[in-house]
Amino acid sequence: MSSPDEPDLGGPDFDPADHLWTPGIGYVDGWCDATDAAAELVNALEAVGIDTTAITTRADTSPDGTGLLRLTLPASTTRQLTTLAKVAATRLRRAN
């Protein structure tokens, strides 16, 4: 059963072309941008000493072709990243 926001993939009226590709949208460019952003993020995290071996990244695109990056982080890595962001915010005098 699909939600109202998702196409009925098993329905007789489903046409993949209506949901997967829109002519003129740069999906590959968006995906490449997300792939590059993932590499930059992982490199930056490694540079500050965060173990990235358990991080998974997946490049994707939005319907308008904008690159998206999906991350999976262990809770411990998320806490390290949160601490890093708080330290950076404090140094930039933007802490709440």
PDB file of N, CA and C in Angstrom:
ATOM      1  N   MET A   1       0.844  -1.174   0.000  1.00  0.00           N
ATOM      2  CA  MET A   1       0.000   0.000   0.000  1.00  0.00           C
ATOM      3  C   MET A   1       0.890   1.237   0.000  1.00  0.00           C
ATOM      4  N   SER A   2       0.639   2.164  -0.899  1.00  0.00           N
ATOM      5  CA  SER A   2       1.451   3.365  -0.968  1.00  0.00           C
ATOM      6  C   SER A   2       0.744   4.515  -0.261  1.00  0.00           C
ATOM      7  N   SER A   3       1.554   5.493   0.149  1.00  0.00           N
ATOM      8  CA  SER A   3       0.975   6.673   0.782  1.00  0.00           C
ATOM      9  C   SER A   3       0.432   7.584  -0.320  1.00  0.00           C
ATOM     10  N   PRO A   4      -0.351   8.596   0.053  1.00  0.00           N
ATOM     11  CA  PRO A   4      -0.890   9.511  -0.958  1.00  0.00           C
ATOM     12  C   PRO A   4       0.196  10.249  -1.744  1.00  0.00           C
ATOM     13  N   ASP A   5       1.392  10.384  -1.158  1.00  0.00           N
ATOM     14  CA  ASP A   5       2.483  11.093  -1.821  1.00  0.00           C
ATOM     15  C   ASP A   5       3.314  10.207  -2.732  1.00  0.00           C
ATOM     16  N   GLU A   6       3.076   8.911  -2.719  1.00  0.00           N
ATOM     17  CA  GLU A   6       3.867   7.989  -3.512  1.00  0.00           C
ATOM     18  C   GLU A   6       3.027   7.377  -4.614  1.00  0.00           C
ATOM     19  N   PRO A   7       3.643   7.157  -5.780  1.00  0.00           N
ATOM     20  CA  PRO A   7       2.872   6.521  -6.858  1.00  0.00           C
ATOM     21  C   PRO A   7       2.547   5.076  -6.514  1.00  0.00           C
ATOM     22  N   ASP A   8       1.441   4.585  -7.038  1.00  0.00           N
ATOM     23  CA  ASP A   8       1.073   3.183  -6.867  1.00  0.00           C
ATOM     24  C   ASP A   8       1.850   2.380  -7.899  1.00  0.00           C
ATOM     25  N   LEU A   9       2.980   1.836  -7.482  1.00  0.00           N
ATOM     26  CA  LEU A   9       3.883   1.162  -8.401  1.00  0.00           C
ATOM     27  C   LEU A   9       3.274  -0.079  -9.032  1.00  0.00           C
ATOM     28  N   GLY A  10       2.251  -0.643  -8.435  1.00  0.00           N
ATOM     29  CA  GLY A  10       1.624  -1.835  -8.987  1.00  0.00           C
ATOM     30  C   GLY A  10       0.364  -1.538  -9.765  1.00  0.00           C
ATOM     31  N   GLY A  11      -0.003  -0.278  -9.819  1.00  0.00           N
ATOM     32  CA  GLY A  11      -1.251   0.084 -10.467  1.00  0.00           C
ATOM     33  C   GLY A  11      -1.159   0.051 -11.983  1.00  0.00           C
ATOM     34  N   PRO A  12      -2.281  -0.159 -12.647  1.00  0.00           N
ATOM     35  CA  PRO A  12      -2.284  -0.254 -14.109  1.00  0.00           C
ATOM     36  C   PRO A  12      -1.984   1.073 -14.800  1.00  0.00           C
ATOM     37  N   ASP A  13      -2.164   2.188 -14.096  1.00  0.00           N
ATOM     38  CA  ASP A  13      -1.939   3.501 -14.702  1.00  0.00           C
ATOM     39  C   ASP A  13      -0.543   4.058 -14.425  1.00  0.00           C
ATOM     40  N   PHE A  14       0.303   3.265 -13.771  1.00  0.00           N
ATOM     41  CA  PHE A  14       1.635   3.750 -13.423  1.00  0.00           C
ATOM     42  C   PHE A  14       2.522   3.801 -14.664  1.00  0.00           C
ATOM     43  N   ASP A  15       3.115   4.959 -14.903  1.00  0.00           N
ATOM     44  CA  ASP A  15       4.080   5.118 -15.987  1.00  0.00           C
ATOM     45  C   ASP A  15       5.373   5.629 -15.348  1.00  0.00           C
ATOM     46  N   PRO A  16       6.432   4.807 -15.322  1.00  0.00           N
ATOM     47  CA  PRO A  16       7.676   5.221 -14.670  1.00  0.00           C
ATOM     48  C   PRO A  16       8.225   6.542 -15.198  1.00  0.00           C
ATOM     49  N   ALA A  17       8.048   6.802 -16.471  1.00  0.00           N
ATOM     50  CA  ALA A  17       8.584   8.036 -17.050  1.00  0.00           C
ATOM     51  C   ALA A  17       7.950   9.275 -16.421  1.00  0.00           C
ATOM     52  N   ASP A  18       6.736   9.144 -15.918  1.00  0.00           N
ATOM     53  CA  ASP A  18       6.080  10.279 -15.269  1.00  0.00           C
ATOM     54  C   ASP A  18       6.683  10.609 -13.906  1.00  0.00           C
ATOM     55  N   HIS A  19       7.399   9.667 -13.318  1.00  0.00           N
ATOM     56  CA  HIS A  19       7.898   9.849 -11.962  1.00  0.00           C
ATOM     57  C   HIS A  19       9.419   9.829 -11.863  1.00  0.00           C
ATOM     58  N   LEU A  20      10.090   9.268 -12.836  1.00  0.00           N
ATOM     59  CA  LEU A  20      11.531   9.080 -12.725  1.00  0.00           C
ATOM     60  C   LEU A  20      12.335  10.140 -13.450  1.00  0.00           C
ATOM     61  N   TRP A  21      11.895  10.566 -14.598  1.00  0.00           N
ATOM     62  CA  TRP A  21      12.682  11.487 -15.408  1.00  0.00           C
ATOM     63  C   TRP A  21      11.803  12.594 -15.970  1.00  0.00           C
ATOM     64  N   THR A  22      12.332  13.785 -15.952  1.00  0.00           N
ATOM     65  CA  THR A  22      11.684  14.907 -16.598  1.00  0.00           C
ATOM     66  C   THR A  22      12.657  15.448 -17.633  1.00  0.00           C
ATOM     67  N   PRO A  23      12.256  15.524 -18.886  1.00  0.00           N
ATOM     68  CA  PRO A  23      13.167  16.044 -19.905  1.00  0.00           C
ATOM     69  C   PRO A  23      13.697  17.426 -19.539  1.00  0.00           C
ATOM     70  N   GLY A  24      14.972  17.639 -19.779  1.00  0.00           N
ATOM     71  CA  GLY A  24      15.588  18.935 -19.522  1.00  0.00           C
ATOM     72  C   GLY A  24      16.149  19.118 -18.124  1.00  0.00           C
ATOM     73  N   ILE A  25      15.939  18.155 -17.234  1.00  0.00           N
ATOM     74  CA  ILE A  25      16.461  18.247 -15.868  1.00  0.00           C
ATOM     75  C   ILE A  25      17.825  17.561 -15.833  1.00  0.00           C
ATOM     76  N   GLY A  26      18.813  18.223 -15.227  1.00  0.00           N
ATOM     77  CA  GLY A  26      20.175  17.679 -15.163  1.00  0.00           C
ATOM     78  C   GLY A  26      20.381  16.738 -13.988  1.00  0.00           C
ATOM     79  N   TYR A  27      19.737  15.578 -14.035  1.00  0.00           N
ATOM     80  CA  TYR A  27      19.852  14.628 -12.932  1.00  0.00           C
ATOM     81  C   TYR A  27      21.291  14.154 -12.730  1.00  0.00           C
ATOM     82  N   VAL A  28      21.996  13.908 -13.810  1.00  0.00           N
ATOM     83  CA  VAL A  28      23.372  13.421 -13.690  1.00  0.00           C
ATOM     84  C   VAL A  28      24.252  14.492 -13.057  1.00  0.00           C
ATOM     85  N   ASP A  29      24.069  15.746 -13.461  1.00  0.00           N
ATOM     86  CA  ASP A  29      24.843  16.832 -12.853  1.00  0.00           C
ATOM     87  C   ASP A  29      24.574  16.919 -11.354  1.00  0.00           C
ATOM     88  N   GLY A  30      23.315  16.805 -10.964  1.00  0.00           N
ATOM     89  CA  GLY A  30      22.963  16.842  -9.538  1.00  0.00           C
ATOM     90  C   GLY A  30      23.568  15.677  -8.785  1.00  0.00           C
ATOM     91  N   TRP A  31      23.522  14.493  -9.390  1.00  0.00           N
ATOM     92  CA  TRP A  31      24.095  13.307  -8.758  1.00  0.00           C
ATOM     93  C   TRP A  31      25.606  13.467  -8.606  1.00  0.00           C
ATOM     94  N   CYS A  32      26.274  13.981  -9.633  1.00  0.00           N
ATOM     95  CA  CYS A  32      27.727  14.203  -9.551  1.00  0.00           C
ATOM     96  C   CYS A  32      28.066  15.223  -8.467  1.00  0.00           C
ATOM     97  N   ASP A  33      27.256  16.272  -8.360  1.00  0.00           N
ATOM     98  CA  ASP A  33      27.469  17.274  -7.314  1.00  0.00           C
ATOM     99  C   ASP A  33      27.341  16.643  -5.936  1.00  0.00           C
ATOM    100  N   ALA A  34      26.334  15.799  -5.744  1.00  0.00           N
ATOM    101  CA  ALA A  34      26.145  15.120  -4.455  1.00  0.00           C
ATOM    102  C   ALA A  34      27.292  14.161  -4.174  1.00  0.00           C
ATOM    103  N   THR A  35      27.777  13.472  -5.189  1.00  0.00           N
ATOM    104  CA  THR A  35      28.917  12.560  -5.024  1.00  0.00           C
ATOM    105  C   THR A  35      30.159  13.330  -4.590  1.00  0.00           C
ATOM    106  N   ASP A  36      30.408  14.470  -5.237  1.00  0.00           N
ATOM    107  CA  ASP A  36      31.550  15.310  -4.862  1.00  0.00           C
ATOM    108  C   ASP A  36      31.398  15.853  -3.443  1.00  0.00           C
ATOM    109  N   ALA A  37      30.187  16.267  -3.090  1.00  0.00           N
ATOM    110  CA  ALA A  37      29.936  16.787  -1.741  1.00  0.00           C
ATOM    111  C   ALA A  37      30.175  15.707  -0.694  1.00  0.00           C
ATOM    112  N   ALA A  38      29.798  14.477  -0.998  1.00  0.00           N
ATOM    113  CA  ALA A  38      30.023  13.364  -0.066  1.00  0.00           C
ATOM    114  C   ALA A  38      31.516  13.172   0.179  1.00  0.00           C
ATOM    115  N   ALA A  39      32.302  13.192  -0.887  1.00  0.00           N
ATOM    116  CA  ALA A  39      33.747  13.024  -0.739  1.00  0.00           C
ATOM    117  C   ALA A  39      34.347  14.169   0.071  1.00  0.00           C
ATOM    118  N   GLU A  40      33.887  15.388  -0.180  1.00  0.00           N
ATOM    119  CA  GLU A  40      34.379  16.552   0.572  1.00  0.00           C
ATOM    120  C   GLU A  40      34.046  16.427   2.051  1.00  0.00           C
ATOM    121  N   LEU A  41      32.819  16.011   2.351  1.00  0.00           N
ATOM    122  CA  LEU A  41      32.413  15.857   3.748  1.00  0.00           C
ATOM    123  C   LEU A  41      33.249  14.798   4.446  1.00  0.00           C
ATOM    124  N   VAL A  42      33.400  13.647   3.837  1.00  0.00           N
ATOM    125  CA  VAL A  42      34.177  12.563   4.444  1.00  0.00           C
ATOM    126  C   VAL A  42      35.623  13.011   4.649  1.00  0.00           C
ATOM    127  N   ASN A  43      36.204  13.687   3.665  1.00  0.00           N
ATOM    128  CA  ASN A  43      37.582  14.176   3.812  1.00  0.00           C
ATOM    129  C   ASN A  43      37.705  15.182   4.955  1.00  0.00           C
ATOM    130  N   ALA A  44      36.730  16.078   5.083  1.00  0.00           N
ATOM    131  CA  ALA A  44      36.762  17.068   6.161  1.00  0.00           C
ATOM    132  C   ALA A  44      36.626  16.397   7.526  1.00  0.00           C
ATOM    133  N   LEU A  45      35.737  15.414   7.627  1.00  0.00           N
ATOM    134  CA  LEU A  45      35.574  14.709   8.900  1.00  0.00           C
ATOM    135  C   LEU A  45      36.841  13.948   9.269  1.00  0.00           C
ATOM    136  N   GLU A  46      37.459  13.321   8.292  1.00  0.00           N
ATOM    137  CA  GLU A  46      38.717  12.619   8.556  1.00  0.00           C
ATOM    138  C   GLU A  46      39.803  13.603   8.995  1.00  0.00           C
ATOM    139  N   ALA A  47      39.818  14.793   8.396  1.00  0.00           N
ATOM    140  CA  ALA A  47      40.836  15.799   8.718  1.00  0.00           C
ATOM    141  C   ALA A  47      40.761  16.269  10.164  1.00  0.00           C
ATOM    142  N   VAL A  48      39.559  16.208  10.763  1.00  0.00           N
ATOM    143  CA  VAL A  48      39.417  16.622  12.165  1.00  0.00           C
ATOM    144  C   VAL A  48      39.419  15.427  13.108  1.00  0.00           C
ATOM    145  N   GLY A  49      39.730  14.256  12.577  1.00  0.00           N
ATOM    146  CA  GLY A  49      39.910  13.090  13.433  1.00  0.00           C
ATOM    147  C   GLY A  49      38.683  12.238  13.681  1.00  0.00           C
ATOM    148  N   ILE A  50      37.621  12.440  12.922  1.00  0.00           N
ATOM    149  CA  ILE A  50      36.431  11.617  13.092  1.00  0.00           C
ATOM    150  C   ILE A  50      36.583  10.357  12.245  1.00  0.00           C
ATOM    151  N   ASP A  51      36.336   9.210  12.872  1.00  0.00           N
ATOM    152  CA  ASP A  51      36.411   7.929  12.175  1.00  0.00           C
ATOM    153  C   ASP A  51      35.233   7.830  11.211  1.00  0.00           C
ATOM    154  N   THR A  52      35.526   7.691   9.941  1.00  0.00           N
ATOM    155  CA  THR A  52      34.474   7.669   8.929  1.00  0.00           C
ATOM    156  C   THR A  52      34.178   6.265   8.391  1.00  0.00           C
ATOM    157  N   THR A  53      34.786   5.261   8.989  1.00  0.00           N
ATOM    158  CA  THR A  53      34.617   3.915   8.440  1.00  0.00           C
ATOM    159  C   THR A  53      33.182   3.410   8.520  1.00  0.00           C
ATOM    160  N   ALA A  54      32.407   3.883   9.471  1.00  0.00           N
ATOM    161  CA  ALA A  54      31.023   3.412   9.610  1.00  0.00           C
ATOM    162  C   ALA A  54      30.011   4.365   8.976  1.00  0.00           C
ATOM    163  N   ILE A  55      30.497   5.427   8.339  1.00  0.00           N
ATOM    164  CA  ILE A  55      29.609   6.367   7.667  1.00  0.00           C
ATOM    165  C   ILE A  55      29.311   5.842   6.268  1.00  0.00           C
ATOM    166  N   THR A  56      28.046   5.871   5.901  1.00  0.00           N
ATOM    167  CA  THR A  56      27.699   5.550   4.523  1.00  0.00           C
ATOM    168  C   THR A  56      27.052   6.769   3.884  1.00  0.00           C
ATOM    169  N   THR A  57      27.382   6.988   2.632  1.00  0.00           N
ATOM    170  CA  THR A  57      26.815   8.099   1.884  1.00  0.00           C
ATOM    171  C   THR A  57      26.164   7.551   0.622  1.00  0.00           C
ATOM    172  N   ARG A  58      25.104   8.224   0.193  1.00  0.00           N
ATOM    173  CA  ARG A  58      24.449   7.846  -1.047  1.00  0.00           C
ATOM    174  C   ARG A  58      24.024   9.104  -1.782  1.00  0.00           C
ATOM    175  N   ALA A  59      24.574   9.271  -2.972  1.00  0.00           N
ATOM    176  CA  ALA A  59      24.208  10.418  -3.798  1.00  0.00           C
ATOM    177  C   ALA A  59      22.846  10.162  -4.419  1.00  0.00           C
ATOM    178  N   ASP A  60      22.075  11.220  -4.544  1.00  0.00           N
ATOM    179  CA  ASP A  60      20.741  11.133  -5.107  1.00  0.00           C
ATOM    180  C   ASP A  60      20.413  12.493  -5.710  1.00  0.00           C
ATOM    181  N   THR A  61      19.258  12.612  -6.316  1.00  0.00           N
ATOM    182  CA  THR A  61      18.797  13.901  -6.816  1.00  0.00           C
ATOM    183  C   THR A  61      17.348  14.115  -6.420  1.00  0.00           C
ATOM    184  N   SER A  62      16.989  15.361  -6.323  1.00  0.00           N
ATOM    185  CA  SER A  62      15.595  15.712  -6.071  1.00  0.00           C
ATOM    186  C   SER A  62      14.863  15.728  -7.418  1.00  0.00           C
ATOM    187  N   PRO A  63      13.552  15.851  -7.402  1.00  0.00           N
ATOM    188  CA  PRO A  63      12.813  15.901  -8.667  1.00  0.00           C
ATOM    189  C   PRO A  63      13.249  17.041  -9.593  1.00  0.00           C
ATOM    190  N   ASP A  64      13.785  18.118  -9.017  1.00  0.00           N
ATOM    191  CA  ASP A  64      14.229  19.226  -9.869  1.00  0.00           C
ATOM    192  C   ASP A  64      15.691  19.094 -10.297  1.00  0.00           C
ATOM    193  N   GLY A  65      16.340  17.971  -9.938  1.00  0.00           N
ATOM    194  CA  GLY A  65      17.713  17.721 -10.353  1.00  0.00           C
ATOM    195  C   GLY A  65      18.767  18.180  -9.376  1.00  0.00           C
ATOM    196  N   THR A  66      18.363  18.796  -8.286  1.00  0.00           N
ATOM    197  CA  THR A  66      19.313  19.225  -7.268  1.00  0.00           C
ATOM    198  C   THR A  66      19.956  18.008  -6.620  1.00  0.00           C
ATOM    199  N   GLY A  67      21.271  18.058  -6.447  1.00  0.00           N
ATOM    200  CA  GLY A  67      21.960  16.950  -5.803  1.00  0.00           C
ATOM    201  C   GLY A  67      21.573  16.822  -4.345  1.00  0.00           C
ATOM    202  N   LEU A  68      21.371  15.600  -3.906  1.00  0.00           N
ATOM    203  CA  LEU A  68      21.059  15.296  -2.511  1.00  0.00           C
ATOM    204  C   LEU A  68      22.072  14.287  -2.003  1.00  0.00           C
ATOM    205  N   LEU A  69      22.409  14.396  -0.753  1.00  0.00           N
ATOM    206  CA  LEU A  69      23.309  13.434  -0.136  1.00  0.00           C
ATOM    207  C   LEU A  69      22.593  12.813   1.049  1.00  0.00           C
ATOM    208  N   ARG A  70      22.500  11.518   1.040  1.00  0.00           N
ATOM    209  CA  ARG A  70      21.882  10.793   2.143  1.00  0.00           C
ATOM    210  C   ARG A  70      23.005  10.171   2.966  1.00  0.00           C
ATOM    211  N   LEU A  71      22.971  10.431   4.272  1.00  0.00           N
ATOM    212  CA  LEU A  71      24.006   9.956   5.185  1.00  0.00           C
ATOM    213  C   LEU A  71      23.433   8.969   6.181  1.00  0.00           C
ATOM    214  N   THR A  72      24.234   7.997   6.514  1.00  0.00           N
ATOM    215  CA  THR A  72      23.927   7.126   7.637  1.00  0.00           C
ATOM    216  C   THR A  72      25.120   7.199   8.562  1.00  0.00           C
ATOM    217  N   LEU A  73      24.846   7.622   9.792  1.00  0.00           N
ATOM    218  CA  LEU A  73      25.905   7.816  10.780  1.00  0.00           C
ATOM    219  C   LEU A  73      25.592   7.032  12.041  1.00  0.00           C
ATOM    220  N   PRO A  74      26.592   6.387  12.620  1.00  0.00           N
ATOM    221  CA  PRO A  74      26.373   5.804  13.943  1.00  0.00           C
ATOM    222  C   PRO A  74      26.111   6.933  14.951  1.00  0.00           C
ATOM    223  N   ALA A  75      25.400   6.627  16.002  1.00  0.00           N
ATOM    224  CA  ALA A  75      25.093   7.642  17.014  1.00  0.00           C
ATOM    225  C   ALA A  75      26.358   8.284  17.576  1.00  0.00           C
ATOM    226  N   SER A  76      27.399   7.487  17.787  1.00  0.00           N
ATOM    227  CA  SER A  76      28.639   8.044  18.348  1.00  0.00           C
ATOM    228  C   SER A  76      29.277   9.041  17.384  1.00  0.00           C
ATOM    229  N   THR A  77      29.231   8.769  16.110  1.00  0.00           N
ATOM    230  CA  THR A  77      29.781   9.687  15.115  1.00  0.00           C
ATOM    231  C   THR A  77      28.930  10.945  15.030  1.00  0.00           C
ATOM    232  N   THR A  78      27.621  10.785  15.147  1.00  0.00           N
ATOM    233  CA  THR A  78      26.721  11.931  15.145  1.00  0.00           C
ATOM    234  C   THR A  78      27.043  12.858  16.311  1.00  0.00           C
ATOM    235  N   ARG A  79      27.320  12.273  17.480  1.00  0.00           N
ATOM    236  CA  ARG A  79      27.669  13.097  18.649  1.00  0.00           C
ATOM    237  C   ARG A  79      28.998  13.822  18.435  1.00  0.00           C
ATOM    238  N   GLN A  80      29.964  13.150  17.820  1.00  0.00           N
ATOM    239  CA  GLN A  80      31.238  13.815  17.513  1.00  0.00           C
ATOM    240  C   GLN A  80      31.011  14.980  16.556  1.00  0.00           C
ATOM    241  N   LEU A  81      30.199  14.761  15.551  1.00  0.00           N
ATOM    242  CA  LEU A  81      29.903  15.809  14.579  1.00  0.00           C
ATOM    243  C   LEU A  81      29.146  16.966  15.232  1.00  0.00           C
ATOM    244  N   THR A  82      28.241  16.649  16.139  1.00  0.00           N
ATOM    245  CA  THR A  82      27.506  17.675  16.873  1.00  0.00           C
ATOM    246  C   THR A  82      28.457  18.518  17.720  1.00  0.00           C
ATOM    247  N   THR A  83      29.374  17.871  18.409  1.00  0.00           N
ATOM    248  CA  THR A  83      30.369  18.596  19.217  1.00  0.00           C
ATOM    249  C   THR A  83      31.204  19.504  18.327  1.00  0.00           C
ATOM    250  N   LEU A  84      31.623  18.990  17.187  1.00  0.00           N
ATOM    251  CA  LEU A  84      32.414  19.787  16.253  1.00  0.00           C
ATOM    252  C   LEU A  84      31.636  21.017  15.790  1.00  0.00           C
ATOM    253  N   ALA A  85      30.362  20.849  15.469  1.00  0.00           N
ATOM    254  CA  ALA A  85      29.539  21.975  15.036  1.00  0.00           C
ATOM    255  C   ALA A  85      29.369  23.001  16.145  1.00  0.00           C
ATOM    256  N   LYS A  86      29.198  22.536  17.388  1.00  0.00           N
ATOM    257  CA  LYS A  86      29.063  23.458  18.523  1.00  0.00           C
ATOM    258  C   LYS A  86      30.341  24.246  18.747  1.00  0.00           C
ATOM    259  N   VAL A  87      31.480  23.580  18.644  1.00  0.00           N
ATOM    260  CA  VAL A  87      32.770  24.264  18.805  1.00  0.00           C
ATOM    261  C   VAL A  87      32.931  25.313  17.712  1.00  0.00           C
ATOM    262  N   ALA A  88      32.604  24.947  16.482  1.00  0.00           N
ATOM    263  CA  ALA A  88      32.713  25.887  15.372  1.00  0.00           C
ATOM    264  C   ALA A  88      31.777  27.076  15.575  1.00  0.00           C
ATOM    265  N   ALA A  89      30.558  26.813  16.037  1.00  0.00           N
ATOM    266  CA  ALA A  89      29.595  27.889  16.280  1.00  0.00           C
ATOM    267  C   ALA A  89      30.100  28.834  17.363  1.00  0.00           C
ATOM    268  N   THR A  90      30.681  28.261  18.409  1.00  0.00           N
ATOM    269  CA  THR A  90      31.211  29.089  19.487  1.00  0.00           C
ATOM    270  C   THR A  90      32.349  29.972  18.968  1.00  0.00           C
ATOM    271  N   ARG A  91      33.222  29.377  18.186  1.00  0.00           N
ATOM    272  CA  ARG A  91      34.347  30.127  17.636  1.00  0.00           C
ATOM    273  C   ARG A  91      33.870  31.233  16.692  1.00  0.00           C
ATOM    274  N   LEU A  92      32.774  31.013  16.038  1.00  0.00           N
ATOM    275  CA  LEU A  92      32.220  32.023  15.133  1.00  0.00           C
ATOM    276  C   LEU A  92      31.277  32.968  15.866  1.00  0.00           C
ATOM    277  N   ARG A  93      31.166  32.782  17.181  1.00  0.00           N
ATOM    278  CA  ARG A  93      30.305  33.604  18.033  1.00  0.00           C
ATOM    279  C   ARG A  93      28.844  33.540  17.629  1.00  0.00           C
ATOM    280  N   ARG A  94      28.428  32.332  17.220  1.00  0.00           N
ATOM    281  CA  ARG A  94      27.048  32.128  16.823  1.00  0.00           C
ATOM    282  C   ARG A  94      26.356  31.126  17.736  1.00  0.00           C
ATOM    283  N   ALA A  95      26.944  30.818  18.852  1.00  0.00           N
ATOM    284  CA  ALA A  95      26.329  29.850  19.760  1.00  0.00           C
ATOM    285  C   ALA A  95      25.092  30.471  20.407  1.00  0.00           C
ATOM    286  N   ASN A  96      24.134  29.636  20.679  1.00  0.00           N
ATOM    287  CA  ASN A  96      22.907  30.136  21.327  1.00  0.00           C
ATOM    288  C   ASN A  96      23.097  30.282  22.804  1.00  0.00           C
TER     289      ASN A  96
END
